[in-house]
Amino acid sequence: MGNYGPMTIAHHRIKTHGRWQVRQPFPGIYLWRDPHGAHYLVDHTGTRRIERRTTAPFTTVELYHSPVRLEHAA
């Protein structure tokens, strides 16, 4: 249930045939990864690219100043 969400035909085709990956950590929040490794955060306010840090082994994303932190191994 946690990975279900509305997806347009174009988004479904990009995910299925374009080698993009998407995860839904919370309802209404999507994390996309393109074939080159760039990450994008999509929510009700729009789409933002998440810049990767080259000095730290993990990239941390803070969502709405929440105590919940998402970490992704670089």
N, C-alpha and C. Protein backbone atom coordinates (compact mmCIF):
# COMPACT_ATOMS: atom_id res chain seq x y z
N MET A 1 0.82 -1.20 0.00
CA MET A 1 0.00 0.00 0.00
C MET A 1 0.86 1.26 0.00
N GLY A 2 2.03 1.23 0.62
CA GLY A 2 2.83 2.44 0.76
C GLY A 2 3.43 2.95 -0.52
N ASN A 3 3.41 2.17 -1.59
CA ASN A 3 4.02 2.62 -2.84
C ASN A 3 2.97 2.94 -3.90
N TYR A 4 1.69 2.92 -3.53
CA TYR A 4 0.64 3.25 -4.48
C TYR A 4 0.42 4.75 -4.51
N GLY A 5 0.14 5.24 -5.69
CA GLY A 5 -0.17 6.65 -5.84
C GLY A 5 -0.58 6.91 -7.27
N PRO A 6 -1.28 8.01 -7.51
CA PRO A 6 -1.71 8.30 -8.87
C PRO A 6 -0.51 8.58 -9.78
N MET A 7 -0.53 8.00 -10.97
CA MET A 7 0.56 8.20 -11.91
C MET A 7 -0.04 8.40 -13.30
N THR A 8 0.44 9.41 -14.01
CA THR A 8 -0.05 9.64 -15.36
C THR A 8 0.55 8.58 -16.29
N ILE A 9 0.03 8.49 -17.48
CA ILE A 9 0.56 7.53 -18.45
C ILE A 9 2.02 7.84 -18.74
N ALA A 10 2.35 9.13 -18.89
CA ALA A 10 3.74 9.52 -19.17
C ALA A 10 4.68 9.11 -18.04
N HIS A 11 4.26 9.35 -16.79
CA HIS A 11 5.10 8.96 -15.65
C HIS A 11 5.26 7.44 -15.58
N HIS A 12 4.19 6.73 -15.85
CA HIS A 12 4.26 5.27 -15.83
C HIS A 12 5.23 4.75 -16.89
N ARG A 13 5.19 5.34 -18.07
CA ARG A 13 6.10 4.91 -19.15
C ARG A 13 7.55 5.25 -18.83
N ILE A 14 7.79 6.42 -18.24
CA ILE A 14 9.16 6.79 -17.86
C ILE A 14 9.69 5.81 -16.83
N LYS A 15 8.87 5.47 -15.86
CA LYS A 15 9.29 4.54 -14.81
C LYS A 15 9.51 3.14 -15.38
N THR A 16 8.61 2.69 -16.23
CA THR A 16 8.67 1.33 -16.74
C THR A 16 9.71 1.14 -17.84
N HIS A 17 9.77 2.07 -18.78
CA HIS A 17 10.63 1.89 -19.95
C HIS A 17 11.83 2.83 -19.98
N GLY A 18 11.86 3.83 -19.13
CA GLY A 18 12.93 4.82 -19.17
C GLY A 18 13.99 4.64 -18.11
N ARG A 19 13.94 3.54 -17.36
CA ARG A 19 14.92 3.21 -16.33
C ARG A 19 14.92 4.22 -15.17
N TRP A 20 13.85 4.96 -14.96
CA TRP A 20 13.70 5.80 -13.78
C TRP A 20 13.15 4.93 -12.66
N GLN A 21 13.45 5.32 -11.42
CA GLN A 21 12.92 4.61 -10.26
C GLN A 21 12.17 5.62 -9.40
N VAL A 22 11.12 5.16 -8.73
CA VAL A 22 10.35 6.04 -7.86
C VAL A 22 10.00 5.29 -6.58
N ARG A 23 10.03 6.02 -5.49
CA ARG A 23 9.62 5.50 -4.18
C ARG A 23 8.71 6.52 -3.52
N GLN A 24 7.82 6.05 -2.69
CA GLN A 24 6.89 6.91 -1.97
C GLN A 24 7.08 6.67 -0.48
N PRO A 25 7.98 7.45 0.17
CA PRO A 25 8.23 7.23 1.59
C PRO A 25 7.06 7.62 2.49
N PHE A 26 6.28 8.60 2.04
CA PHE A 26 5.10 9.08 2.78
C PHE A 26 4.01 9.37 1.76
N PRO A 27 2.76 9.31 2.15
CA PRO A 27 1.69 9.63 1.21
C PRO A 27 1.87 11.04 0.62
N GLY A 28 1.84 11.14 -0.70
CA GLY A 28 1.95 12.43 -1.37
C GLY A 28 3.37 12.91 -1.61
N ILE A 29 4.38 12.14 -1.19
CA ILE A 29 5.78 12.51 -1.39
C ILE A 29 6.45 11.41 -2.18
N TYR A 30 7.06 11.80 -3.31
CA TYR A 30 7.70 10.83 -4.20
C TYR A 30 9.16 11.19 -4.37
N LEU A 31 10.02 10.20 -4.34
CA LEU A 31 11.44 10.37 -4.60
C LEU A 31 11.75 9.65 -5.90
N TRP A 32 12.14 10.41 -6.93
CA TRP A 32 12.47 9.85 -8.23
C TRP A 32 13.98 9.81 -8.39
N ARG A 33 14.48 8.81 -9.08
CA ARG A 33 15.90 8.69 -9.41
C ARG A 33 16.00 8.46 -10.91
N ASP A 34 16.76 9.32 -11.60
CA ASP A 34 16.90 9.17 -13.05
C ASP A 34 17.98 8.15 -13.38
N PRO A 35 18.11 7.76 -14.64
CA PRO A 35 19.09 6.74 -15.01
C PRO A 35 20.55 7.14 -14.72
N HIS A 36 20.80 8.43 -14.53
CA HIS A 36 22.16 8.91 -14.26
C HIS A 36 22.45 9.05 -12.78
N GLY A 37 21.47 8.77 -11.92
CA GLY A 37 21.68 8.81 -10.48
C GLY A 37 21.22 10.07 -9.79
N ALA A 38 20.67 11.05 -10.54
CA ALA A 38 20.16 12.28 -9.91
C ALA A 38 18.83 11.97 -9.22
N HIS A 39 18.58 12.63 -8.09
CA HIS A 39 17.37 12.41 -7.31
C HIS A 39 16.49 13.66 -7.33
N TYR A 40 15.17 13.43 -7.32
CA TYR A 40 14.19 14.51 -7.35
C TYR A 40 13.12 14.24 -6.31
N LEU A 41 12.74 15.27 -5.58
CA LEU A 41 11.67 15.19 -4.59
C LEU A 41 10.44 15.84 -5.21
N VAL A 42 9.32 15.11 -5.26
CA VAL A 42 8.08 15.62 -5.83
C VAL A 42 7.01 15.57 -4.76
N ASP A 43 6.35 16.70 -4.52
CA ASP A 43 5.25 16.77 -3.58
C ASP A 43 4.24 17.79 -4.09
N HIS A 44 3.30 18.19 -3.25
CA HIS A 44 2.25 19.11 -3.67
C HIS A 44 2.77 20.50 -4.04
N THR A 45 4.00 20.83 -3.66
CA THR A 45 4.56 22.15 -3.98
C THR A 45 5.34 22.15 -5.28
N GLY A 46 5.62 20.97 -5.84
CA GLY A 46 6.34 20.91 -7.09
C GLY A 46 7.47 19.89 -7.05
N THR A 47 8.42 20.06 -7.96
CA THR A 47 9.55 19.14 -8.10
C THR A 47 10.84 19.88 -7.81
N ARG A 48 11.69 19.26 -6.99
CA ARG A 48 12.99 19.86 -6.66
C ARG A 48 14.06 18.80 -6.81
N ARG A 49 15.17 19.20 -7.43
CA ARG A 49 16.30 18.28 -7.51
C ARG A 49 17.02 18.26 -6.17
N ILE A 50 17.40 17.08 -5.73
CA ILE A 50 18.13 16.92 -4.48
C ILE A 50 19.60 16.81 -4.83
N GLU A 51 20.37 17.78 -4.40
CA GLU A 51 21.80 17.78 -4.69
C GLU A 51 22.50 16.76 -3.81
N ARG A 52 23.45 16.06 -4.38
CA ARG A 52 24.21 15.05 -3.63
C ARG A 52 25.46 15.70 -3.06
N ARG A 53 25.76 15.35 -1.84
CA ARG A 53 27.00 15.81 -1.20
C ARG A 53 28.11 14.85 -1.56
N THR A 54 29.27 15.39 -1.92
CA THR A 54 30.38 14.53 -2.27
C THR A 54 31.31 14.28 -1.09
N THR A 55 31.14 15.04 0.01
CA THR A 55 32.03 14.91 1.15
C THR A 55 31.51 13.93 2.20
N ALA A 56 30.22 13.63 2.16
CA ALA A 56 29.63 12.76 3.18
C ALA A 56 29.23 11.43 2.54
N PRO A 57 29.29 10.33 3.28
CA PRO A 57 28.89 9.04 2.72
C PRO A 57 27.39 8.90 2.54
N PHE A 58 26.60 9.76 3.19
CA PHE A 58 25.15 9.69 3.07
C PHE A 58 24.61 11.04 2.65
N THR A 59 23.50 11.02 1.90
CA THR A 59 22.76 12.22 1.56
C THR A 59 21.52 12.23 2.44
N THR A 60 21.31 13.30 3.19
CA THR A 60 20.17 13.41 4.10
C THR A 60 19.19 14.44 3.55
N VAL A 61 17.92 14.09 3.54
CA VAL A 61 16.88 14.99 3.10
C VAL A 61 15.97 15.27 4.29
N GLU A 62 15.76 16.54 4.61
CA GLU A 62 14.85 16.89 5.69
C GLU A 62 13.55 17.36 5.07
N LEU A 63 12.44 16.72 5.44
CA LEU A 63 11.15 17.04 4.88
C LEU A 63 10.34 17.87 5.85
N TYR A 64 10.08 19.13 5.50
CA TYR A 64 9.23 20.03 6.27
C TYR A 64 9.68 20.16 7.72
N HIS A 65 10.96 20.21 7.95
CA HIS A 65 11.53 20.37 9.29
C HIS A 65 10.95 19.35 10.26
N SER A 66 10.83 18.14 9.78
CA SER A 66 10.26 17.05 10.54
C SER A 66 11.39 16.28 11.23
N PRO A 67 11.12 15.62 12.34
CA PRO A 67 12.16 14.81 12.97
C PRO A 67 12.50 13.55 12.16
N VAL A 68 11.70 13.26 11.12
CA VAL A 68 11.95 12.09 10.28
C VAL A 68 13.02 12.45 9.26
N ARG A 69 14.06 11.59 9.14
CA ARG A 69 15.13 11.84 8.18
C ARG A 69 15.24 10.65 7.24
N LEU A 70 15.42 10.95 5.96
CA LEU A 70 15.63 9.91 4.97
C LEU A 70 17.10 9.94 4.60
N GLU A 71 17.75 8.80 4.63
CA GLU A 71 19.16 8.74 4.25
C GLU A 71 19.32 7.74 3.13
N HIS A 72 20.17 8.12 2.19
CA HIS A 72 20.43 7.26 1.04
C HIS A 72 21.92 7.12 0.88
N ALA A 73 22.42 5.90 0.84
CA ALA A 73 23.85 5.68 0.68
C ALA A 73 24.31 6.18 -0.68
N ALA A 74 25.39 6.92 -0.71
CA ALA A 74 25.90 7.49 -1.97
C ALA A 74 26.61 6.45 -2.77
